[in-house]
């Protein structure tokens, strides 16, 4: 059952990719996607390395100790979607939209941990997931804010790209 869930998640991620990376903000979305992948891999490597979470069923178990589907596909895709829907919002709306994503995600992981063998929480809880998801969202959102500021600065300076 776990391998079927991973295959379903992988399929859904690959199906969604073409829809996420089109339009005028493609470069920014790619930066969000890959930046979030790096953050997720680093955090997950730490969490697994300190034995807080274990992934008994994962892709390429002889190579990776983490679930790379989650780290390099699922969570980065969610981050791109979250930034897209919160791109022009003020802090209050951004906070609300982060809760719309992080609460169901935390509850979903709690449910999956209890009912599947995909991962086991050892020194981890629903609240750790909630905090780490929001930390990642706001880190990426801060990075996007910085990119927006740099783009405005570039426009004011009439700097052209090569």
Foldseek 3Di string as FASTA:
>chain_A
DLVVVLVVLLVVQVVCVVVLQDDDCNVVLVVLLVVQLVVLVVVQCVCVVVPQKFFPDEPPVVVDRGRSCVRRTVLSVVLSVLCVVCVPPDPVVNVVSLCVPLVVVLVVVQVCCVPHRRMHGDNDHSVNSSVVSVVSSVVSNVVVVVVVVVVVVCVVVVPDDD
